[in-house]
Amino acid sequence: MSVVPGHFYGKPKEVTQVNLVESNPTPLGHQLVSQRRTNHKSDPHDLVALAQSVQTAGDFVTAGATNKLLLIAEQIKFLQMQAQNVLEEAKRDQQLHSAACNMKKVPGNIYYLYESQKTQKPHFSLLSPQEWGDSCPNKFLGAYKLEYDMSWTPADEMLSKSEPLNKMMSAVTAYTHSQSTSSGDNGGSSGSSAKSILALADSS
């Protein structure tokens, strides 16, 4: 949504007041010979045009500020949604770390969460439902990959999360390698490489 200058919904049309420069019969202490010639009366149409230009400028300023505030409001709403997602993921990760586990969890590995038929509590296993087959004694709840920051990624999100991450890591590795092997002034190539990395970050 954007606001068009001069179109303020529900706002009555206002009368524009034009501030004119006051005349001074003695500028810098010198008396004018003919005040009539220096301060002649303007054509009424000129005053109308001046008032219209002032009104138009005011409408543009108001519309511009309103559009900026609308954009800020949308960004705040997006950040609130992002914050809510972060809190929900942190709650989920904490619950997964609290699940029973008889082995040391290693980042980078995939673990399978089951619900025990005896205790009705969740626990992790290294065996997938396919490896258990029909003899699986517990209810399968889901598969999760333990990341190196100790967060968990659900199995259905692994591909969508790993692809942009791998692209970013490859770009950063190539950039740092080119910087260590190149010599001389390469400011232009450095800037273009950095822009490529930032473009990958935006696309992810």
C-alpha atoms as a PDB file:
ATOM      1  CA  MET A   1       0.000   0.000   0.000  1.00  0.00           C
ATOM      2  CA  SER A   2       1.258   3.478  -0.865  1.00  0.00           C
ATOM      3  CA  VAL A   3      -0.103   6.968  -0.448  1.00  0.00           C
ATOM      4  CA  VAL A   4      -0.518   9.196  -3.514  1.00  0.00           C
ATOM      5  CA  PRO A   5       0.273  12.895  -3.016  1.00  0.00           C
ATOM      6  CA  GLY A   6      -2.921  14.949  -2.784  1.00  0.00           C
ATOM      7  CA  HIS A   7      -5.095  11.885  -2.004  1.00  0.00           C
ATOM      8  CA  PHE A   8      -5.599  11.559   1.747  1.00  0.00           C
ATOM      9  CA  TYR A   9      -8.598   9.416   2.409  1.00  0.00           C
ATOM     10  CA  GLY A  10     -11.214  10.935   4.712  1.00  0.00           C
ATOM     11  CA  LYS A  11      -9.228  14.164   5.095  1.00  0.00           C
ATOM     12  CA  PRO A  12     -11.101  17.396   4.242  1.00  0.00           C
ATOM     13  CA  LYS A  13      -9.451  19.770   1.797  1.00  0.00           C
ATOM     14  CA  GLU A  14      -7.508  22.434   3.662  1.00  0.00           C
ATOM     15  CA  VAL A  15      -6.958  26.061   2.760  1.00  0.00           C
ATOM     16  CA  THR A  16      -3.290  26.733   2.064  1.00  0.00           C
ATOM     17  CA  GLN A  17      -1.727  29.827   3.564  1.00  0.00           C
ATOM     18  CA  VAL A  18       1.199  31.362   1.678  1.00  0.00           C
ATOM     19  CA  ASN A  19       3.880  33.160   3.668  1.00  0.00           C
ATOM     20  CA  LEU A  20       5.268  36.105   1.726  1.00  0.00           C
ATOM     21  CA  VAL A  21       8.449  38.037   2.448  1.00  0.00           C
ATOM     22  CA  GLU A  22       7.732  41.213   4.375  1.00  0.00           C
ATOM     23  CA  SER A  23       8.652  44.451   2.631  1.00  0.00           C
ATOM     24  CA  ASN A  24      11.271  46.699   4.194  1.00  0.00           C
ATOM     25  CA  PRO A  25      11.262  50.392   3.227  1.00  0.00           C
ATOM     26  CA  THR A  26      14.774  50.872   4.660  1.00  0.00           C
ATOM     27  CA  PRO A  27      16.921  47.830   3.739  1.00  0.00           C
ATOM     28  CA  LEU A  28      20.310  47.958   5.497  1.00  0.00           C
ATOM     29  CA  GLY A  29      19.342  51.380   6.820  1.00  0.00           C
ATOM     30  CA  HIS A  30      18.931  53.003   3.399  1.00  0.00           C
ATOM     31  CA  GLN A  31      15.669  54.659   2.433  1.00  0.00           C
ATOM     32  CA  LEU A  32      14.210  53.415  -0.827  1.00  0.00           C
ATOM     33  CA  VAL A  33      13.595  56.055  -3.489  1.00  0.00           C
ATOM     34  CA  SER A  34      10.422  54.403  -4.747  1.00  0.00           C
ATOM     35  CA  GLN A  35       8.879  51.714  -2.571  1.00  0.00           C
ATOM     36  CA  ARG A  36       6.115  51.263  -5.134  1.00  0.00           C
ATOM     37  CA  ARG A  37       8.574  50.027  -7.770  1.00  0.00           C
ATOM     38  CA  THR A  38      10.441  47.634  -5.488  1.00  0.00           C
ATOM     39  CA  ASN A  39       7.338  46.247  -3.785  1.00  0.00           C
ATOM     40  CA  HIS A  40       4.823  46.229  -6.592  1.00  0.00           C
ATOM     41  CA  LYS A  41       1.656  44.209  -6.174  1.00  0.00           C
ATOM     42  CA  SER A  42       1.746  40.768  -7.756  1.00  0.00           C
ATOM     43  CA  ASP A  43      -0.783  39.397 -10.140  1.00  0.00           C
ATOM     44  CA  PRO A  44      -3.470  37.486  -8.167  1.00  0.00           C
ATOM     45  CA  HIS A  45      -2.927  34.528 -10.471  1.00  0.00           C
ATOM     46  CA  ASP A  46       0.714  34.396  -9.349  1.00  0.00           C
ATOM     47  CA  LEU A  47      -0.395  34.086  -5.730  1.00  0.00           C
ATOM     48  CA  VAL A  48      -2.798  31.295  -6.655  1.00  0.00           C
ATOM     49  CA  ALA A  49      -0.011  29.443  -8.473  1.00  0.00           C
ATOM     50  CA  LEU A  50       2.293  29.959  -5.495  1.00  0.00           C
ATOM     51  CA  ALA A  51      -0.344  28.603  -3.121  1.00  0.00           C
ATOM     52  CA  GLN A  52      -0.852  25.584  -5.363  1.00  0.00           C
ATOM     53  CA  SER A  53       2.891  24.864  -5.455  1.00  0.00           C
ATOM     54  CA  VAL A  54       3.083  25.100  -1.661  1.00  0.00           C
ATOM     55  CA  GLN A  55       0.101  22.750  -1.319  1.00  0.00           C
ATOM     56  CA  THR A  56       1.633  20.281  -3.792  1.00  0.00           C
ATOM     57  CA  ALA A  57       4.970  20.307  -1.976  1.00  0.00           C
ATOM     58  CA  GLY A  58       3.225  19.702   1.339  1.00  0.00           C
ATOM     59  CA  ASP A  59       1.247  16.801  -0.125  1.00  0.00           C
ATOM     60  CA  PHE A  60       4.431  15.189  -1.459  1.00  0.00           C
ATOM     61  CA  VAL A  61       6.198  15.556   1.897  1.00  0.00           C
ATOM     62  CA  THR A  62       3.242  14.054   3.778  1.00  0.00           C
ATOM     63  CA  ALA A  63       2.853  11.202   1.278  1.00  0.00           C
ATOM     64  CA  GLY A  64       6.580  10.438   1.359  1.00  0.00           C
ATOM     65  CA  ALA A  65       6.663  10.295   5.150  1.00  0.00           C
ATOM     66  CA  THR A  66       3.526   8.129   5.225  1.00  0.00           C
ATOM     67  CA  ASN A  67       4.957   5.640   2.727  1.00  0.00           C
ATOM     68  CA  LYS A  68       8.186   5.393   4.736  1.00  0.00           C
ATOM     69  CA  LEU A  69       6.213   4.738   7.914  1.00  0.00           C
ATOM     70  CA  LEU A  70       4.176   2.052   6.144  1.00  0.00           C
ATOM     71  CA  LEU A  71       7.394   0.374   4.994  1.00  0.00           C
ATOM     72  CA  ILE A  72       8.800   0.500   8.528  1.00  0.00           C
ATOM     73  CA  ALA A  73       5.567  -1.010   9.864  1.00  0.00           C
ATOM     74  CA  GLU A  74       5.829  -3.889   7.361  1.00  0.00           C
ATOM     75  CA  GLN A  75       9.461  -4.475   8.345  1.00  0.00           C
ATOM     76  CA  ILE A  76       8.522  -4.494  12.046  1.00  0.00           C
ATOM     77  CA  LYS A  77       5.772  -7.033  11.338  1.00  0.00           C
ATOM     78  CA  PHE A  78       8.247  -9.231   9.440  1.00  0.00           C
ATOM     79  CA  LEU A  79      10.795  -9.007  12.276  1.00  0.00           C
ATOM     80  CA  GLN A  80       8.085  -9.933  14.779  1.00  0.00           C
ATOM     81  CA  MET A  81       7.287 -13.028  12.726  1.00  0.00           C
ATOM     82  CA  GLN A  82      10.988 -13.885  12.543  1.00  0.00           C
ATOM     83  CA  ALA A  83      11.332 -13.443  16.307  1.00  0.00           C
ATOM     84  CA  GLN A  84       8.339 -15.732  16.861  1.00  0.00           C
ATOM     85  CA  ASN A  85       9.912 -18.380  14.610  1.00  0.00           C
ATOM     86  CA  VAL A  86      13.209 -18.129  16.517  1.00  0.00           C
ATOM     87  CA  LEU A  87      11.419 -18.638  19.847  1.00  0.00           C
ATOM     88  CA  GLU A  88       9.452 -21.619  18.543  1.00  0.00           C
ATOM     89  CA  GLU A  89      12.601 -23.233  17.118  1.00  0.00           C
ATOM     90  CA  ALA A  90      14.472 -22.642  20.377  1.00  0.00           C
ATOM     91  CA  LYS A  91      11.628 -24.275  22.319  1.00  0.00           C
ATOM     92  CA  ARG A  92      11.633 -27.258  19.955  1.00  0.00           C
ATOM     93  CA  ASP A  93      15.434 -27.646  20.143  1.00  0.00           C
ATOM     94  CA  GLN A  94      15.330 -27.526  23.930  1.00  0.00           C
ATOM     95  CA  GLN A  95      12.674 -30.243  24.013  1.00  0.00           C
ATOM     96  CA  LEU A  96      14.708 -32.409  21.625  1.00  0.00           C
ATOM     97  CA  HIS A  97      17.842 -32.047  23.743  1.00  0.00           C
ATOM     98  CA  SER A  98      15.771 -33.138  26.746  1.00  0.00           C
ATOM     99  CA  ALA A  99      14.765 -36.395  25.055  1.00  0.00           C
ATOM    100  CA  ALA A 100      16.341 -39.552  26.442  1.00  0.00           C
ATOM    101  CA  CYS A 101      19.488 -40.676  24.627  1.00  0.00           C
ATOM    102  CA  ASN A 102      21.978 -43.469  25.448  1.00  0.00           C
ATOM    103  CA  MET A 103      24.754 -42.239  23.128  1.00  0.00           C
ATOM    104  CA  LYS A 104      26.801 -39.112  22.678  1.00  0.00           C
ATOM    105  CA  LYS A 105      25.150 -36.859  20.140  1.00  0.00           C
ATOM    106  CA  VAL A 106      27.595 -35.740  17.455  1.00  0.00           C
ATOM    107  CA  PRO A 107      26.890 -32.673  15.293  1.00  0.00           C
ATOM    108  CA  GLY A 108      26.344 -33.544  11.639  1.00  0.00           C
ATOM    109  CA  ASN A 109      24.590 -36.837  12.358  1.00  0.00           C
ATOM    110  CA  ILE A 110      20.914 -37.674  11.913  1.00  0.00           C
ATOM    111  CA  TYR A 111      18.986 -39.049  14.881  1.00  0.00           C
ATOM    112  CA  TYR A 112      15.564 -40.676  14.936  1.00  0.00           C
ATOM    113  CA  LEU A 113      13.031 -39.784  17.592  1.00  0.00           C
ATOM    114  CA  TYR A 114      10.658 -42.418  18.953  1.00  0.00           C
ATOM    115  CA  GLU A 115       8.000 -42.523  21.634  1.00  0.00           C
ATOM    116  CA  SER A 116       8.373 -45.430  24.028  1.00  0.00           C
ATOM    117  CA  GLN A 117       5.326 -47.649  24.333  1.00  0.00           C
ATOM    118  CA  LYS A 118       6.146 -48.293  27.990  1.00  0.00           C
ATOM    119  CA  THR A 119       6.910 -44.812  29.305  1.00  0.00           C
ATOM    120  CA  GLN A 120       5.199 -42.708  26.608  1.00  0.00           C
ATOM    121  CA  LYS A 121       8.342 -40.536  26.612  1.00  0.00           C
ATOM    122  CA  PRO A 122      10.496 -39.595  23.615  1.00  0.00           C
ATOM    123  CA  HIS A 123      13.981 -40.947  23.058  1.00  0.00           C
ATOM    124  CA  PHE A 124      16.587 -40.844  20.295  1.00  0.00           C
ATOM    125  CA  SER A 125      17.925 -43.775  18.305  1.00  0.00           C
ATOM    126  CA  LEU A 126      20.473 -44.245  15.535  1.00  0.00           C
ATOM    127  CA  LEU A 127      18.172 -46.689  13.734  1.00  0.00           C
ATOM    128  CA  SER A 128      15.671 -45.411  11.197  1.00  0.00           C
ATOM    129  CA  PRO A 129      12.178 -46.912  10.832  1.00  0.00           C
ATOM    130  CA  GLN A 130      13.357 -48.620   7.637  1.00  0.00           C
ATOM    131  CA  GLU A 131      16.183 -50.292   9.547  1.00  0.00           C
ATOM    132  CA  TRP A 132      13.780 -51.404  12.264  1.00  0.00           C
ATOM    133  CA  GLY A 133      11.288 -52.742   9.729  1.00  0.00           C
ATOM    134  CA  ASP A 134       8.115 -54.292  11.066  1.00  0.00           C
ATOM    135  CA  SER A 135       9.839 -55.099  14.352  1.00  0.00           C
ATOM    136  CA  CYS A 136       9.981 -51.452  15.478  1.00  0.00           C
ATOM    137  CA  PRO A 137       8.674 -51.504  19.061  1.00  0.00           C
ATOM    138  CA  ASN A 138       8.038 -47.768  19.398  1.00  0.00           C
ATOM    139  CA  LYS A 139       6.167 -44.987  17.652  1.00  0.00           C
ATOM    140  CA  PHE A 140       8.274 -42.993  15.200  1.00  0.00           C
ATOM    141  CA  LEU A 141       8.045 -39.207  15.760  1.00  0.00           C
ATOM    142  CA  GLY A 142      10.552 -37.825  13.269  1.00  0.00           C
ATOM    143  CA  ALA A 143      14.155 -37.559  12.092  1.00  0.00           C
ATOM    144  CA  TYR A 144      16.413 -34.644  13.006  1.00  0.00           C
ATOM    145  CA  LYS A 145      19.911 -33.561  12.079  1.00  0.00           C
ATOM    146  CA  LEU A 146      22.052 -32.095  14.834  1.00  0.00           C
ATOM    147  CA  GLU A 147      23.747 -28.944  13.541  1.00  0.00           C
ATOM    148  CA  TYR A 148      27.139 -27.666  14.699  1.00  0.00           C
ATOM    149  CA  ASP A 149      25.481 -24.845  16.636  1.00  0.00           C
ATOM    150  CA  MET A 150      23.569 -27.583  18.534  1.00  0.00           C
ATOM    151  CA  SER A 151      20.287 -26.724  16.857  1.00  0.00           C
ATOM    152  CA  TRP A 152      18.081 -29.354  15.225  1.00  0.00           C
ATOM    153  CA  THR A 153      16.896 -29.469  11.620  1.00  0.00           C
ATOM    154  CA  PRO A 154      13.856 -31.628  10.758  1.00  0.00           C
ATOM    155  CA  ALA A 155      14.415 -34.158   7.978  1.00  0.00           C
ATOM    156  CA  ASP A 156      11.966 -32.439   5.618  1.00  0.00           C
ATOM    157  CA  GLU A 157      13.927 -29.171   5.932  1.00  0.00           C
ATOM    158  CA  MET A 158      17.434 -30.591   5.473  1.00  0.00           C
ATOM    159  CA  LEU A 159      17.605 -30.160   1.697  1.00  0.00           C
ATOM    160  CA  SER A 160      16.170 -26.643   1.620  1.00  0.00           C
ATOM    161  CA  LYS A 161      18.510 -25.570   4.411  1.00  0.00           C
ATOM    162  CA  SER A 162      21.681 -27.302   3.216  1.00  0.00           C
ATOM    163  CA  GLU A 163      21.619 -26.111  -0.418  1.00  0.00           C
ATOM    164  CA  PRO A 164      21.925 -22.340   0.260  1.00  0.00           C
ATOM    165  CA  LEU A 165      24.345 -23.045   3.107  1.00  0.00           C
ATOM    166  CA  ASN A 166      26.608 -25.109   0.859  1.00  0.00           C
ATOM    167  CA  LYS A 167      26.495 -22.406  -1.839  1.00  0.00           C
ATOM    168  CA  MET A 168      27.409 -19.767   0.700  1.00  0.00           C
ATOM    169  CA  MET A 169      30.269 -21.833   2.127  1.00  0.00           C
ATOM    170  CA  SER A 170      31.614 -22.540  -1.373  1.00  0.00           C
ATOM    171  CA  ALA A 171      31.488 -18.841  -2.269  1.00  0.00           C
ATOM    172  CA  VAL A 172      33.234 -17.798   0.947  1.00  0.00           C
ATOM    173  CA  THR A 173      35.889 -20.502   0.488  1.00  0.00           C
ATOM    174  CA  ALA A 174      36.548 -19.436  -3.104  1.00  0.00           C
ATOM    175  CA  TYR A 175      36.715 -15.769  -2.056  1.00  0.00           C
ATOM    176  CA  THR A 176      39.173 -16.340   0.802  1.00  0.00           C
ATOM    177  CA  HIS A 177      41.293 -18.633  -1.394  1.00  0.00           C
ATOM    178  CA  SER A 178      41.493 -16.016  -4.170  1.00  0.00           C
ATOM    179  CA  GLN A 179      42.506 -13.357  -1.648  1.00  0.00           C
ATOM    180  CA  SER A 180      45.307 -15.493  -0.232  1.00  0.00           C
ATOM    181  CA  THR A 181      46.736 -16.456  -3.644  1.00  0.00           C
ATOM    182  CA  SER A 182      46.316 -13.153  -5.519  1.00  0.00           C
ATOM    183  CA  SER A 183      48.812 -10.301  -5.441  1.00  0.00           C
ATOM    184  CA  GLY A 184      48.675  -6.598  -6.214  1.00  0.00           C
ATOM    185  CA  ASP A 185      45.684  -4.296  -6.166  1.00  0.00           C
ATOM    186  CA  ASN A 186      42.514  -6.280  -6.665  1.00  0.00           C
ATOM    187  CA  GLY A 187      39.978  -3.946  -5.078  1.00  0.00           C
ATOM    188  CA  GLY A 188      37.600  -4.251  -8.011  1.00  0.00           C
ATOM    189  CA  SER A 189      37.543  -8.048  -7.999  1.00  0.00           C
ATOM    190  CA  SER A 190      37.181  -8.085  -4.222  1.00  0.00           C
ATOM    191  CA  GLY A 191      34.162  -5.836  -4.421  1.00  0.00           C
ATOM    192  CA  SER A 192      32.493  -7.972  -7.094  1.00  0.00           C
ATOM    193  CA  SER A 193      33.185 -11.174  -5.125  1.00  0.00           C
ATOM    194  CA  ALA A 194      31.732  -9.655  -1.969  1.00  0.00           C
ATOM    195  CA  LYS A 195      28.631  -8.587  -3.906  1.00  0.00           C
ATOM    196  CA  SER A 196      28.227 -12.137  -5.215  1.00  0.00           C
ATOM    197  CA  ILE A 197      28.362 -13.491  -1.667  1.00  0.00           C
ATOM    198  CA  LEU A 198      25.770 -10.964  -0.519  1.00  0.00           C
ATOM    199  CA  ALA A 199      23.548 -11.902  -3.473  1.00  0.00           C
ATOM    200  CA  LEU A 200      23.698 -15.545  -2.365  1.00  0.00           C
ATOM    201  CA  ALA A 201      22.720 -14.492   1.152  1.00  0.00           C
ATOM    202  CA  ASP A 202      19.690 -12.580  -0.173  1.00  0.00           C
ATOM    203  CA  SER A 203      18.581 -15.471  -2.386  1.00  0.00           C
ATOM    204  CA  SER A 204      18.777 -17.919   0.530  1.00  0.00           C
END
